[in-house]
């Protein structure tokens, strides 16, 4: 699953916001295609979703609505100012979920 963060930033023009949203959608589609390719190469069944909204909320809602038993998430392991400015979707999911969460460090 990939979630396109659709929160608007009031200081951006509509054109700039649309460019950012298009870029986020393309990155999400690319990530999903990569996961599907890797799963297909290993004969692992996979279901994919591209959602829009506030990422941690969409993940939690999807898990609840689809009776998910465990959530597996990647993290880049950012810290300091970068973590403070960007927040952590994984951290928000962990803090707000009653489900077990498996966090995998993403490299690259």
PDB file of N, CA and C in Angstrom:
ATOM      1  N   UNK A   1       0.839  -1.162   0.000  1.00  0.00           N
ATOM      2  CA  UNK A   1       0.000   0.000   0.000  1.00  0.00           C
ATOM      3  C   UNK A   1       0.889   1.231   0.000  1.00  0.00           C
ATOM      4  N   UNK A   2       0.438   2.192  -0.736  1.00  0.00           N
ATOM      5  CA  UNK A   2       1.085   3.493  -0.706  1.00  0.00           C
ATOM      6  C   UNK A   2      -0.027   4.523  -0.553  1.00  0.00           C
ATOM      7  N   UNK A   3       0.249   5.547   0.242  1.00  0.00           N
ATOM      8  CA  UNK A   3      -0.753   6.587   0.471  1.00  0.00           C
ATOM      9  C   UNK A   3      -0.195   7.923  -0.012  1.00  0.00           C
ATOM     10  N   UNK A   4      -0.924   8.542  -0.924  1.00  0.00           N
ATOM     11  CA  UNK A   4      -0.575   9.870  -1.403  1.00  0.00           C
ATOM     12  C   UNK A   4      -1.107  10.858  -0.371  1.00  0.00           C
ATOM     13  N   UNK A   5      -0.186  11.575   0.257  1.00  0.00           N
ATOM     14  CA  UNK A   5      -0.561  12.549   1.283  1.00  0.00           C
ATOM     15  C   UNK A   5      -1.226  13.736   0.591  1.00  0.00           C
ATOM     16  N   UNK A   6      -2.510  13.916   0.852  1.00  0.00           N
ATOM     17  CA  UNK A   6      -3.266  14.960   0.155  1.00  0.00           C
ATOM     18  C   UNK A   6      -3.525  16.198   1.011  1.00  0.00           C
ATOM     19  N   UNK A   7      -2.856  16.261   2.164  1.00  0.00           N
ATOM     20  CA  UNK A   7      -3.021  17.481   2.965  1.00  0.00           C
ATOM     21  C   UNK A   7      -2.536  18.662   2.146  1.00  0.00           C
ATOM     22  N   UNK A   8      -3.293  19.717   2.177  1.00  0.00           N
ATOM     23  CA  UNK A   8      -2.927  20.899   1.406  1.00  0.00           C
ATOM     24  C   UNK A   8      -2.046  21.810   2.233  1.00  0.00           C
ATOM     25  N   UNK A   9      -1.186  22.492   1.545  1.00  0.00           N
ATOM     26  CA  UNK A   9      -0.328  23.473   2.179  1.00  0.00           C
ATOM     27  C   UNK A   9      -0.780  24.840   1.696  1.00  0.00           C
ATOM     28  N   UNK A  10      -1.362  25.618   2.596  1.00  0.00           N
ATOM     29  CA  UNK A  10      -2.015  26.872   2.219  1.00  0.00           C
ATOM     30  C   UNK A  10      -1.069  27.888   1.603  1.00  0.00           C
ATOM     31  N   UNK A  11       0.216  27.723   1.798  1.00  0.00           N
ATOM     32  CA  UNK A  11       1.154  28.694   1.247  1.00  0.00           C
ATOM     33  C   UNK A  11       1.528  28.390  -0.206  1.00  0.00           C
ATOM     34  N   UNK A  12       1.089  27.247  -0.730  1.00  0.00           N
ATOM     35  CA  UNK A  12       1.437  26.877  -2.106  1.00  0.00           C
ATOM     36  C   UNK A  12       0.334  27.268  -3.078  1.00  0.00           C
ATOM     37  N   UNK A  13       0.741  27.610  -4.285  1.00  0.00           N
ATOM     38  CA  UNK A  13      -0.240  27.889  -5.330  1.00  0.00           C
ATOM     39  C   UNK A  13      -0.884  26.573  -5.764  1.00  0.00           C
ATOM     40  N   UNK A  14      -2.049  26.663  -6.394  1.00  0.00           N
ATOM     41  CA  UNK A  14      -2.730  25.465  -6.882  1.00  0.00           C
ATOM     42  C   UNK A  14      -1.852  24.690  -7.862  1.00  0.00           C
ATOM     43  N   UNK A  15      -1.167  25.414  -8.748  1.00  0.00           N
ATOM     44  CA  UNK A  15      -0.314  24.756  -9.737  1.00  0.00           C
ATOM     45  C   UNK A  15       0.819  23.989  -9.056  1.00  0.00           C
ATOM     46  N   UNK A  16       1.437  24.610  -8.067  1.00  0.00           N
ATOM     47  CA  UNK A  16       2.534  23.946  -7.348  1.00  0.00           C
ATOM     48  C   UNK A  16       2.004  22.726  -6.600  1.00  0.00           C
ATOM     49  N   UNK A  17       0.846  22.883  -5.958  1.00  0.00           N
ATOM     50  CA  UNK A  17       0.274  21.762  -5.211  1.00  0.00           C
ATOM     51  C   UNK A  17      -0.043  20.594  -6.147  1.00  0.00           C
ATOM     52  N   UNK A  18      -0.614  20.871  -7.321  1.00  0.00           N
ATOM     53  CA  UNK A  18      -0.938  19.814  -8.280  1.00  0.00           C
ATOM     54  C   UNK A  18       0.321  19.095  -8.759  1.00  0.00           C
ATOM     55  N   UNK A  19       1.404  19.850  -8.936  1.00  0.00           N
ATOM     56  CA  UNK A  19       2.674  19.245  -9.330  1.00  0.00           C
ATOM     57  C   UNK A  19       3.178  18.308  -8.237  1.00  0.00           C
ATOM     58  N   UNK A  20       3.095  18.743  -6.986  1.00  0.00           N
ATOM     59  CA  UNK A  20       3.536  17.920  -5.862  1.00  0.00           C
ATOM     60  C   UNK A  20       2.665  16.671  -5.755  1.00  0.00           C
ATOM     61  N   UNK A  21       1.355  16.833  -5.870  1.00  0.00           N
ATOM     62  CA  UNK A  21       0.456  15.683  -5.767  1.00  0.00           C
ATOM     63  C   UNK A  21       0.712  14.683  -6.902  1.00  0.00           C
ATOM     64  N   UNK A  22       0.936  15.186  -8.108  1.00  0.00           N
ATOM     65  CA  UNK A  22       1.232  14.301  -9.247  1.00  0.00           C
ATOM     66  C   UNK A  22       2.532  13.530  -8.995  1.00  0.00           C
ATOM     67  N   UNK A  23       3.552  14.221  -8.462  1.00  0.00           N
ATOM     68  CA  UNK A  23       4.825  13.572  -8.162  1.00  0.00           C
ATOM     69  C   UNK A  23       4.636  12.497  -7.093  1.00  0.00           C
ATOM     70  N   UNK A  24       3.885  12.794  -6.056  1.00  0.00           N
ATOM     71  CA  UNK A  24       3.623  11.814  -4.993  1.00  0.00           C
ATOM     72  C   UNK A  24       2.866  10.602  -5.534  1.00  0.00           C
ATOM     73  N   UNK A  25       1.918  10.845  -6.422  1.00  0.00           N
ATOM     74  CA  UNK A  25       1.156   9.742  -7.010  1.00  0.00           C
ATOM     75  C   UNK A  25       2.075   8.863  -7.858  1.00  0.00           C
ATOM     76  N   UNK A  26       2.926   9.484  -8.660  1.00  0.00           N
ATOM     77  CA  UNK A  26       3.858   8.719  -9.491  1.00  0.00           C
ATOM     78  C   UNK A  26       4.813   7.897  -8.638  1.00  0.00           C
ATOM     79  N   UNK A  27       5.316   8.476  -7.538  1.00  0.00           N
ATOM     80  CA  UNK A  27       6.213   7.728  -6.650  1.00  0.00           C
ATOM     81  C   UNK A  27       5.482   6.559  -5.996  1.00  0.00           C
ATOM     82  N   UNK A  28       4.232   6.781  -5.604  1.00  0.00           N
ATOM     83  CA  UNK A  28       3.440   5.700  -5.010  1.00  0.00           C
ATOM     84  C   UNK A  28       3.190   4.580  -6.000  1.00  0.00           C
ATOM     85  N   UNK A  29       2.825   4.937  -7.228  1.00  0.00           N
ATOM     86  CA  UNK A  29       2.599   3.928  -8.273  1.00  0.00           C
ATOM     87  C   UNK A  29       3.873   3.155  -8.569  1.00  0.00           C
ATOM     88  N   UNK A  30       5.014   3.841  -8.589  1.00  0.00           N
ATOM     89  CA  UNK A  30       6.294   3.193  -8.842  1.00  0.00           C
ATOM     90  C   UNK A  30       6.648   2.218  -7.714  1.00  0.00           C
ATOM     91  N   UNK A  31       6.421   2.634  -6.479  1.00  0.00           N
ATOM     92  CA  UNK A  31       6.712   1.753  -5.338  1.00  0.00           C
ATOM     93  C   UNK A  31       5.837   0.501  -5.381  1.00  0.00           C
ATOM     94  N   UNK A  32       4.575   0.683  -5.707  1.00  0.00           N
ATOM     95  CA  UNK A  32       3.653  -0.454  -5.792  1.00  0.00           C
ATOM     96  C   UNK A  32       4.071  -1.391  -6.929  1.00  0.00           C
ATOM     97  N   UNK A  33       4.458  -0.822  -8.060  1.00  0.00           N
ATOM     98  CA  UNK A  33       4.893  -1.649  -9.188  1.00  0.00           C
ATOM     99  C   UNK A  33       6.140  -2.447  -8.815  1.00  0.00           C
ATOM    100  N   UNK A  34       7.055  -1.848  -8.066  1.00  0.00           N
ATOM    101  CA  UNK A  34       8.264  -2.541  -7.638  1.00  0.00           C
ATOM    102  C   UNK A  34       7.925  -3.707  -6.706  1.00  0.00           C
ATOM    103  N   UNK A  35       7.018  -3.476  -5.773  1.00  0.00           N
ATOM    104  CA  UNK A  35       6.603  -4.550  -4.863  1.00  0.00           C
ATOM    105  C   UNK A  35       5.943  -5.684  -5.639  1.00  0.00           C
ATOM    106  N   UNK A  36       5.060  -5.335  -6.552  1.00  0.00           N
ATOM    107  CA  UNK A  36       4.378  -6.355  -7.357  1.00  0.00           C
ATOM    108  C   UNK A  36       5.389  -7.169  -8.168  1.00  0.00           C
ATOM    109  N   UNK A  37       6.370  -6.502  -8.781  1.00  0.00           N
ATOM    110  CA  UNK A  37       7.389  -7.191  -9.576  1.00  0.00           C
ATOM    111  C   UNK A  37       8.179  -8.161  -8.702  1.00  0.00           C
ATOM    112  N   UNK A  38       8.624  -7.703  -7.539  1.00  0.00           N
ATOM    113  CA  UNK A  38       9.399  -8.563  -6.638  1.00  0.00           C
ATOM    114  C   UNK A  38       8.575  -9.753  -6.161  1.00  0.00           C
ATOM    115  N   UNK A  39       7.323  -9.523  -5.864  1.00  0.00           N
ATOM    116  CA  UNK A  39       6.451 -10.615  -5.414  1.00  0.00           C
ATOM    117  C   UNK A  39       6.234 -11.618  -6.547  1.00  0.00           C
ATOM    118  N   UNK A  40       5.977 -11.120  -7.754  1.00  0.00           N
ATOM    119  CA  UNK A  40       5.767 -12.003  -8.905  1.00  0.00           C
ATOM    120  C   UNK A  40       7.004 -12.864  -9.182  1.00  0.00           C
ATOM    121  N   UNK A  41       8.190 -12.279  -9.050  1.00  0.00           N
ATOM    122  CA  UNK A  41       9.436 -13.023  -9.277  1.00  0.00           C
ATOM    123  C   UNK A  41       9.594 -14.186  -8.297  1.00  0.00           C
ATOM    124  N   UNK A  42       8.953 -14.078  -7.148  1.00  0.00           N
ATOM    125  CA  UNK A  42       9.083 -15.104  -6.107  1.00  0.00           C
ATOM    126  C   UNK A  42       7.803 -15.926  -5.929  1.00  0.00           C
ATOM    127  N   UNK A  43       6.861 -15.747  -6.859  1.00  0.00           N
ATOM    128  CA  UNK A  43       5.568 -16.431  -6.790  1.00  0.00           C
ATOM    129  C   UNK A  43       4.862 -16.202  -5.454  1.00  0.00           C
ATOM    130  N   UNK A  44       4.937 -14.982  -4.962  1.00  0.00           N
ATOM    131  CA  UNK A  44       4.270 -14.604  -3.718  1.00  0.00           C
ATOM    132  C   UNK A  44       3.028 -13.800  -4.081  1.00  0.00           C
ATOM    133  N   UNK A  45       1.860 -14.247  -3.621  1.00  0.00           N
ATOM    134  CA  UNK A  45       0.658 -13.464  -3.925  1.00  0.00           C
ATOM    135  C   UNK A  45       0.704 -12.117  -3.201  1.00  0.00           C
ATOM    136  N   UNK A  46       0.246 -11.097  -3.879  1.00  0.00           N
ATOM    137  CA  UNK A  46       0.271  -9.762  -3.290  1.00  0.00           C
ATOM    138  C   UNK A  46      -0.946  -8.977  -3.758  1.00  0.00           C
ATOM    139  N   UNK A  47      -1.477  -8.188  -2.866  1.00  0.00           N
ATOM    140  CA  UNK A  47      -2.542  -7.241  -3.203  1.00  0.00           C
ATOM    141  C   UNK A  47      -1.974  -5.852  -2.961  1.00  0.00           C
ATOM    142  N   UNK A  48      -2.264  -4.943  -3.875  1.00  0.00           N
ATOM    143  CA  UNK A  48      -1.728  -3.589  -3.740  1.00  0.00           C
ATOM    144  C   UNK A  48      -2.858  -2.573  -3.748  1.00  0.00           C
ATOM    145  N   UNK A  49      -2.582  -1.451  -3.127  1.00  0.00           N
ATOM    146  CA  UNK A  49      -3.546  -0.342  -3.069  1.00  0.00           C
ATOM    147  C   UNK A  49      -2.780   0.971  -3.146  1.00  0.00           C
ATOM    148  N   UNK A  50      -3.326   1.930  -3.858  1.00  0.00           N
ATOM    149  CA  UNK A  50      -2.848   3.306  -3.831  1.00  0.00           C
ATOM    150  C   UNK A  50      -3.997   4.126  -3.277  1.00  0.00           C
ATOM    151  N   UNK A  51      -3.788   4.679  -2.105  1.00  0.00           N
ATOM    152  CA  UNK A  51      -4.837   5.448  -1.436  1.00  0.00           C
ATOM    153  C   UNK A  51      -4.439   6.910  -1.369  1.00  0.00           C
ATOM    154  N   UNK A  52      -5.407   7.755  -1.065  1.00  0.00           N
ATOM    155  CA  UNK A  52      -5.174   9.189  -0.900  1.00  0.00           C
ATOM    156  C   UNK A  52      -5.732   9.629   0.441  1.00  0.00           C
ATOM    157  N   UNK A  53      -4.995  10.509   1.109  1.00  0.00           N
ATOM    158  CA  UNK A  53      -5.454  11.024   2.388  1.00  0.00           C
ATOM    159  C   UNK A  53      -4.269  11.288   3.300  1.00  0.00           C
ATOM    160  N   UNK A  54      -4.538  11.252   4.598  1.00  0.00           N
ATOM    161  CA  UNK A  54      -3.481  11.407   5.596  1.00  0.00           C
ATOM    162  C   UNK A  54      -2.920  10.012   5.838  1.00  0.00           C
ATOM    163  N   UNK A  55      -1.640   9.794   5.512  1.00  0.00           N
ATOM    164  CA  UNK A  55      -1.100   8.441   5.464  1.00  0.00           C
ATOM    165  C   UNK A  55      -1.394   7.555   6.670  1.00  0.00           C
ATOM    166  N   UNK A  56      -1.073   7.983   7.875  1.00  0.00           N
ATOM    167  CA  UNK A  56      -1.275   7.082   9.013  1.00  0.00           C
ATOM    168  C   UNK A  56      -2.749   6.771   9.226  1.00  0.00           C
ATOM    169  N   UNK A  57      -3.617   7.723   8.960  1.00  0.00           N
ATOM    170  CA  UNK A  57      -5.055   7.487   9.112  1.00  0.00           C
ATOM    171  C   UNK A  57      -5.556   6.491   8.065  1.00  0.00           C
ATOM    172  N   UNK A  58      -5.093   6.636   6.828  1.00  0.00           N
ATOM    173  CA  UNK A  58      -5.515   5.723   5.765  1.00  0.00           C
ATOM    174  C   UNK A  58      -5.047   4.295   6.042  1.00  0.00           C
ATOM    175  N   UNK A  59      -3.820   4.158   6.535  1.00  0.00           N
ATOM    176  CA  UNK A  59      -3.288   2.833   6.861  1.00  0.00           C
ATOM    177  C   UNK A  59      -4.109   2.192   7.964  1.00  0.00           C
ATOM    178  N   UNK A  60      -4.377   2.934   9.025  1.00  0.00           N
ATOM    179  CA  UNK A  60      -5.151   2.392  10.141  1.00  0.00           C
ATOM    180  C   UNK A  60      -6.581   2.060   9.721  1.00  0.00           C
ATOM    181  N   UNK A  61      -7.204   2.927   8.945  1.00  0.00           N
ATOM    182  CA  UNK A  61      -8.572   2.667   8.465  1.00  0.00           C
ATOM    183  C   UNK A  61      -8.609   1.427   7.578  1.00  0.00           C
ATOM    184  N   UNK A  62      -7.638   1.303   6.674  1.00  0.00           N
ATOM    185  CA  UNK A  62      -7.579   0.146   5.775  1.00  0.00           C
ATOM    186  C   UNK A  62      -7.420  -1.142   6.577  1.00  0.00           C
ATOM    187  N   UNK A  63      -6.531  -1.124   7.547  1.00  0.00           N
ATOM    188  CA  UNK A  63      -6.306  -2.309   8.380  1.00  0.00           C
ATOM    189  C   UNK A  63      -7.586  -2.696   9.115  1.00  0.00           C
ATOM    190  N   UNK A  64      -8.285  -1.718   9.635  1.00  0.00           N
ATOM    191  CA  UNK A  64      -9.530  -1.976  10.368  1.00  0.00           C
ATOM    192  C   UNK A  64     -10.625  -2.505   9.448  1.00  0.00           C
ATOM    193  N   UNK A  65     -10.790  -1.881   8.304  1.00  0.00           N
ATOM    194  CA  UNK A  65     -11.854  -2.248   7.375  1.00  0.00           C
ATOM    195  C   UNK A  65     -11.618  -3.591   6.683  1.00  0.00           C
ATOM    196  N   UNK A  66     -10.367  -4.053   6.658  1.00  0.00           N
ATOM    197  CA  UNK A  66     -10.030  -5.281   5.942  1.00  0.00           C
ATOM    198  C   UNK A  66      -9.572  -6.408   6.868  1.00  0.00           C
ATOM    199  N   UNK A  67      -9.841  -6.261   8.159  1.00  0.00           N
ATOM    200  CA  UNK A  67      -9.499  -7.295   9.144  1.00  0.00           C
ATOM    201  C   UNK A  67      -8.041  -7.738   9.052  1.00  0.00           C
ATOM    202  N   UNK A  68      -7.157  -6.784   8.910  1.00  0.00           N
ATOM    203  CA  UNK A  68      -5.721  -7.065   8.853  1.00  0.00           C
ATOM    204  C   UNK A  68      -5.255  -7.481  10.248  1.00  0.00           C
ATOM    205  N   UNK A  69      -4.386  -8.492  10.298  1.00  0.00           N
ATOM    206  CA  UNK A  69      -3.914  -9.009  11.580  1.00  0.00           C
ATOM    207  C   UNK A  69      -2.578  -8.418  12.008  1.00  0.00           C
ATOM    208  N   UNK A  70      -1.756  -8.025  11.064  1.00  0.00           N
ATOM    209  CA  UNK A  70      -0.462  -7.411  11.368  1.00  0.00           C
ATOM    210  C   UNK A  70      -0.128  -6.432  10.249  1.00  0.00           C
ATOM    211  N   UNK A  71       0.477  -5.318  10.614  1.00  0.00           N
ATOM    212  CA  UNK A  71       0.876  -4.308   9.645  1.00  0.00           C
ATOM    213  C   UNK A  71       2.397  -4.347   9.534  1.00  0.00           C
ATOM    214  N   UNK A  72       2.896  -4.464   8.302  1.00  0.00           N
ATOM    215  CA  UNK A  72       4.331  -4.432   8.050  1.00  0.00           C
ATOM    216  C   UNK A  72       4.625  -3.122   7.339  1.00  0.00           C
ATOM    217  N   UNK A  73       5.560  -2.365   7.894  1.00  0.00           N
ATOM    218  CA  UNK A  73       5.878  -1.051   7.340  1.00  0.00           C
ATOM    219  C   UNK A  73       7.372  -0.871   7.206  1.00  0.00           C
ATOM    220  N   UNK A  74       7.757  -0.116   6.203  1.00  0.00           N
ATOM    221  CA  UNK A  74       9.153   0.257   6.047  1.00  0.00           C
ATOM    222  C   UNK A  74       9.400   1.588   6.728  1.00  0.00           C
ATOM    223  N   UNK A  75      10.630   1.807   7.150  1.00  0.00           N
ATOM    224  CA  UNK A  75      11.028   3.091   7.703  1.00  0.00           C
ATOM    225  C   UNK A  75      12.420   3.424   7.210  1.00  0.00           C
ATOM    226  N   UNK A  76      12.666   4.712   7.051  1.00  0.00           N
ATOM    227  CA  UNK A  76      13.987   5.158   6.606  1.00  0.00           C
ATOM    228  C   UNK A  76      14.892   5.445   7.795  1.00  0.00           C
ATOM    229  N   UNK A  77      14.340   5.440   9.003  1.00  0.00           N
ATOM    230  CA  UNK A  77      15.149   5.654  10.191  1.00  0.00           C
ATOM    231  C   UNK A  77      15.677   7.064  10.333  1.00  0.00           C
ATOM    232  N   UNK A  78      14.927   8.031   9.839  1.00  0.00           N
ATOM    233  CA  UNK A  78      15.374   9.424   9.957  1.00  0.00           C
ATOM    234  C   UNK A  78      15.303   9.868  11.418  1.00  0.00           C
ATOM    235  N   UNK A  79      16.143  10.819  11.755  1.00  0.00           N
ATOM    236  CA  UNK A  79      16.119  11.338  13.121  1.00  0.00           C
ATOM    237  C   UNK A  79      16.443  12.826  13.087  1.00  0.00           C
ATOM    238  N   UNK A  80      16.443  13.434  14.224  1.00  0.00           N
ATOM    239  CA  UNK A  80      16.817  14.837  14.336  1.00  0.00           C
ATOM    240  C   UNK A  80      15.851  15.765  13.640  1.00  0.00           C
ATOM    241  N   UNK A  81      16.397  16.793  13.023  1.00  0.00           N
ATOM    242  CA  UNK A  81      15.585  17.835  12.385  1.00  0.00           C
ATOM    243  C   UNK A  81      14.734  17.260  11.260  1.00  0.00           C
ATOM    244  N   UNK A  82      15.303  16.362  10.459  1.00  0.00           N
ATOM    245  CA  UNK A  82      14.546  15.779   9.347  1.00  0.00           C
ATOM    246  C   UNK A  82      13.317  15.034   9.862  1.00  0.00           C
ATOM    247  N   UNK A  83      13.483  14.278  10.949  1.00  0.00           N
ATOM    248  CA  UNK A  83      12.349  13.558  11.544  1.00  0.00           C
ATOM    249  C   UNK A  83      11.336  14.548  12.100  1.00  0.00           C
ATOM    250  N   UNK A  84      11.823  15.592  12.766  1.00  0.00           N
ATOM    251  CA  UNK A  84      10.926  16.589  13.341  1.00  0.00           C
ATOM    252  C   UNK A  84      10.106  17.284  12.262  1.00  0.00           C
ATOM    253  N   UNK A  85      10.739  17.644  11.160  1.00  0.00           N
ATOM    254  CA  UNK A  85      10.037  18.361  10.099  1.00  0.00           C
ATOM    255  C   UNK A  85       9.106  17.460   9.305  1.00  0.00           C
ATOM    256  N   UNK A  86       9.514  16.231   9.036  1.00  0.00           N
ATOM    257  CA  UNK A  86       8.728  15.327   8.202  1.00  0.00           C
ATOM    258  C   UNK A  86       7.801  14.422   8.990  1.00  0.00           C
ATOM    259  N   UNK A  87       8.046  14.269  10.287  1.00  0.00           N
ATOM    260  CA  UNK A  87       7.239  13.347  11.074  1.00  0.00           C
ATOM    261  C   UNK A  87       7.537  11.919  10.666  1.00  0.00           C
ATOM    262  N   UNK A  88       6.817  11.001  11.229  1.00  0.00           N
ATOM    263  CA  UNK A  88       7.016   9.609  10.894  1.00  0.00           C
ATOM    264  C   UNK A  88       5.673   8.924  10.810  1.00  0.00           C
ATOM    265  N   UNK A  89       5.315   8.517   9.602  1.00  0.00           N
ATOM    266  CA  UNK A  89       4.060   7.790   9.421  1.00  0.00           C
ATOM    267  C   UNK A  89       4.101   6.511  10.243  1.00  0.00           C
ATOM    268  N   UNK A  90       5.227   5.823  10.206  1.00  0.00           N
ATOM    269  CA  UNK A  90       5.360   4.574  10.953  1.00  0.00           C
ATOM    270  C   UNK A  90       5.135   4.811  12.439  1.00  0.00           C
ATOM    271  N   UNK A  91       5.748   5.846  12.970  1.00  0.00           N
ATOM    272  CA  UNK A  91       5.583   6.162  14.394  1.00  0.00           C
ATOM    273  C   UNK A  91       4.123   6.442  14.730  1.00  0.00           C
ATOM    274  N   UNK A  92       3.436   7.181  13.873  1.00  0.00           N
ATOM    275  CA  UNK A  92       2.025   7.494  14.122  1.00  0.00           C
ATOM    276  C   UNK A  92       1.154   6.246  14.063  1.00  0.00           C
ATOM    277  N   UNK A  93       1.472   5.331  13.148  1.00  0.00           N
ATOM    278  CA  UNK A  93       0.721   4.074  13.073  1.00  0.00           C
ATOM    279  C   UNK A  93       0.954   3.264  14.348  1.00  0.00           C
ATOM    280  N   UNK A  94       2.204   3.156  14.766  1.00  0.00           N
ATOM    281  CA  UNK A  94       2.532   2.404  15.981  1.00  0.00           C
ATOM    282  C   UNK A  94       1.782   2.973  17.182  1.00  0.00           C
ATOM    283  N   UNK A  95       1.795   4.282  17.322  1.00  0.00           N
ATOM    284  CA  UNK A  95       1.170   4.936  18.486  1.00  0.00           C
ATOM    285  C   UNK A  95      -0.358   4.817  18.495  1.00  0.00           C
ATOM    286  N   UNK A  96      -0.954   4.665  17.323  1.00  0.00           N
ATOM    287  CA  UNK A  96      -2.414   4.694  17.244  1.00  0.00           C
ATOM    288  C   UNK A  96      -3.058   3.350  16.907  1.00  0.00           C
ATOM    289  N   UNK A  97      -2.271   2.301  16.803  1.00  0.00           N
ATOM    290  CA  UNK A  97      -2.809   1.000  16.414  1.00  0.00           C
ATOM    291  C   UNK A  97      -2.851   0.046  17.597  1.00  0.00           C
ATOM    292  N   UNK A  98      -3.853  -0.815  17.585  1.00  0.00           N
ATOM    293  CA  UNK A  98      -3.903  -1.902  18.556  1.00  0.00           C
ATOM    294  C   UNK A  98      -3.350  -3.181  17.944  1.00  0.00           C
ATOM    295  N   UNK A  99      -3.008  -3.124  16.662  1.00  0.00           N
ATOM    296  CA  UNK A  99      -2.458  -4.279  15.947  1.00  0.00           C
ATOM    297  C   UNK A  99      -0.946  -4.375  16.160  1.00  0.00           C
ATOM    298  N   UNK A 100      -0.392  -5.569  15.985  1.00  0.00           N
ATOM    299  CA  UNK A 100       1.064  -5.666  15.964  1.00  0.00           C
ATOM    300  C   UNK A 100       1.601  -4.992  14.698  1.00  0.00           C
ATOM    301  N   UNK A 101       2.724  -4.290  14.842  1.00  0.00           N
ATOM    302  CA  UNK A 101       3.344  -3.587  13.726  1.00  0.00           C
ATOM    303  C   UNK A 101       4.768  -4.120  13.588  1.00  0.00           C
ATOM    304  N   UNK A 102       5.116  -4.601  12.391  1.00  0.00           N
ATOM    305  CA  UNK A 102       6.477  -5.046  12.104  1.00  0.00           C
ATOM    306  C   UNK A 102       7.123  -3.967  11.262  1.00  0.00           C
ATOM    307  N   UNK A 103       8.219  -3.387  11.766  1.00  0.00           N
ATOM    308  CA  UNK A 103       8.905  -2.311  11.088  1.00  0.00           C
ATOM    309  C   UNK A 103      10.188  -2.846  10.475  1.00  0.00           C
ATOM    310  N   UNK A 104      10.369  -2.567   9.179  1.00  0.00           N
ATOM    311  CA  UNK A 104      11.528  -3.036   8.433  1.00  0.00           C
ATOM    312  C   UNK A 104      12.311  -1.818   7.948  1.00  0.00           C
ATOM    313  N   UNK A 105      13.596  -1.784   8.231  1.00  0.00           N
ATOM    314  CA  UNK A 105      14.436  -0.664   7.801  1.00  0.00           C
ATOM    315  C   UNK A 105      14.608  -0.698   6.290  1.00  0.00           C
ATOM    316  N   UNK A 106      14.307   0.415   5.631  1.00  0.00           N
ATOM    317  CA  UNK A 106      14.419   0.533   4.180  1.00  0.00           C
ATOM    318  C   UNK A 106      15.771   1.144   3.852  1.00  0.00           C
ATOM    319  N   UNK A 107      16.485   0.527   2.949  1.00  0.00           N
ATOM    320  CA  UNK A 107      17.748   1.097   2.492  1.00  0.00           C
ATOM    321  C   UNK A 107      17.577   1.508   1.044  1.00  0.00           C
ATOM    322  N   UNK A 108      18.322   2.501   0.655  1.00  0.00           N
ATOM    323  CA  UNK A 108      18.334   3.018  -0.722  1.00  0.00           C
ATOM    324  C   UNK A 108      17.653   4.315  -0.816  1.00  0.00           C
TER     325      UNK A 108
END
